[in-house]
Amino acid sequence: MPLLHIPNEFRAYCGGADSVELEGETVAELIGQLAARFPELESRVLDASGSLAAHLLVIQNDTVLRPGEVAQARVSAGDEFRLMSAVSGG
């Protein structure tokens, strides 16, 4: 089952969990399931359209997914995911 690691900044909204197992065929389904399981987290990870919030990145195993890849990225049973806040500057 895919495992999603919860960053420190979101653990308070997930009952302190540092990771959760989720089911889904795409990364977007996993993120949606995470938001459904932890309603207080929903507005922090999803935008108004239900897509991944623009300030977040998803890392699938060792690959950073581009925002447009999250909806179609396929999930395998042993995959590990991390949510990270995007860092920008200049």
Protein backbone atom coordinates (compact mmCIF):
# COMPACT_ATOMS: atom_id res chain seq x y z
CA MET A 1 0.00 0.00 0.00
CA PRO A 2 1.39 3.48 -0.85
CA LEU A 3 2.76 5.43 2.10
CA LEU A 4 2.51 9.21 2.34
CA HIS A 5 4.87 10.95 4.76
CA ILE A 6 3.30 13.94 6.53
CA PRO A 7 5.53 17.02 6.96
CA ASN A 8 5.88 18.46 10.47
CA GLU A 9 3.80 21.52 9.59
CA PHE A 10 0.74 19.33 8.87
CA ARG A 11 0.98 16.69 11.60
CA ALA A 12 -1.19 18.65 14.04
CA TYR A 13 -4.05 18.34 11.50
CA CYS A 14 -3.49 14.58 11.20
CA GLY A 15 -3.62 13.60 14.85
CA GLY A 16 0.18 13.76 15.03
CA ALA A 17 0.69 11.05 12.40
CA ASP A 18 4.02 11.21 10.58
CA SER A 19 2.79 8.98 7.75
CA VAL A 20 -0.39 7.32 6.51
CA GLU A 21 -1.15 4.47 4.15
CA LEU A 22 -3.54 5.43 1.37
CA GLU A 23 -5.18 3.72 -1.57
CA GLY A 24 -5.56 5.07 -5.06
CA GLU A 25 -4.46 4.72 -8.64
CA THR A 26 -3.14 8.26 -9.06
CA VAL A 27 -1.30 10.70 -6.81
CA ALA A 28 -4.28 13.06 -7.02
CA GLU A 29 -6.51 10.30 -5.60
CA LEU A 30 -4.08 9.80 -2.70
CA ILE A 31 -4.06 13.52 -1.90
CA GLY A 32 -7.86 13.62 -2.10
CA GLN A 33 -8.10 10.63 0.23
CA LEU A 34 -5.70 12.32 2.66
CA ALA A 35 -7.87 15.45 2.69
CA ALA A 36 -11.03 13.37 3.21
CA ARG A 37 -9.50 11.45 6.10
CA PHE A 38 -8.27 14.62 7.80
CA PRO A 39 -10.79 17.42 7.05
CA GLU A 40 -8.76 20.08 8.90
CA LEU A 41 -5.94 19.42 6.44
CA GLU A 42 -8.07 19.81 3.31
CA SER A 43 -7.79 23.60 2.91
CA ARG A 44 -4.03 23.36 3.45
CA VAL A 45 -3.36 20.81 0.71
CA LEU A 46 -6.10 21.43 -1.87
CA ASP A 47 -7.10 24.58 -3.71
CA ALA A 48 -10.70 25.64 -4.41
CA SER A 49 -10.88 23.36 -7.46
CA GLY A 50 -9.73 20.30 -5.50
CA SER A 51 -6.25 20.26 -7.04
CA LEU A 52 -3.01 20.21 -5.09
CA ALA A 53 -2.35 23.65 -3.59
CA ALA A 54 0.17 25.68 -5.60
CA HIS A 55 2.54 26.07 -2.64
CA LEU A 56 3.08 22.30 -2.33
CA LEU A 57 5.21 19.76 -4.14
CA VAL A 58 4.82 15.99 -4.18
CA ILE A 59 7.84 13.73 -4.22
CA GLN A 60 7.09 10.21 -5.46
CA ASN A 61 9.89 7.93 -4.31
CA ASP A 62 12.87 10.07 -5.46
CA THR A 63 11.10 12.07 -8.18
CA VAL A 64 9.66 15.54 -7.73
CA LEU A 65 6.37 15.72 -9.61
CA ARG A 66 5.59 18.85 -11.55
CA PRO A 67 2.21 20.40 -10.70
CA GLY A 68 0.70 19.17 -13.98
CA GLU A 69 1.91 15.61 -13.34
CA VAL A 70 0.11 15.08 -10.02
CA ALA A 71 -3.32 14.39 -11.56
CA GLN A 72 -2.06 11.65 -13.89
CA ALA A 73 0.92 10.20 -11.98
CA ARG A 74 0.26 6.49 -11.42
CA VAL A 75 0.77 4.84 -8.04
CA SER A 76 2.31 1.45 -7.28
CA ALA A 77 1.78 -0.51 -4.07
CA GLY A 78 5.25 0.12 -2.59
CA ASP A 79 5.53 3.81 -3.51
CA GLU A 80 6.44 6.39 -0.89
CA PHE A 81 5.34 10.00 -1.13
CA ARG A 82 6.26 13.22 0.60
CA LEU A 83 4.48 16.55 0.62
CA MET A 84 6.78 19.56 0.74
CA SER A 85 6.26 23.28 0.71
CA ALA A 86 7.66 24.79 -2.45
CA VAL A 87 10.51 27.19 -1.85
CA SER A 88 10.98 30.16 -4.11
CA GLY A 89 12.93 33.32 -4.10
CA GLY A 90 15.10 35.41 -6.20
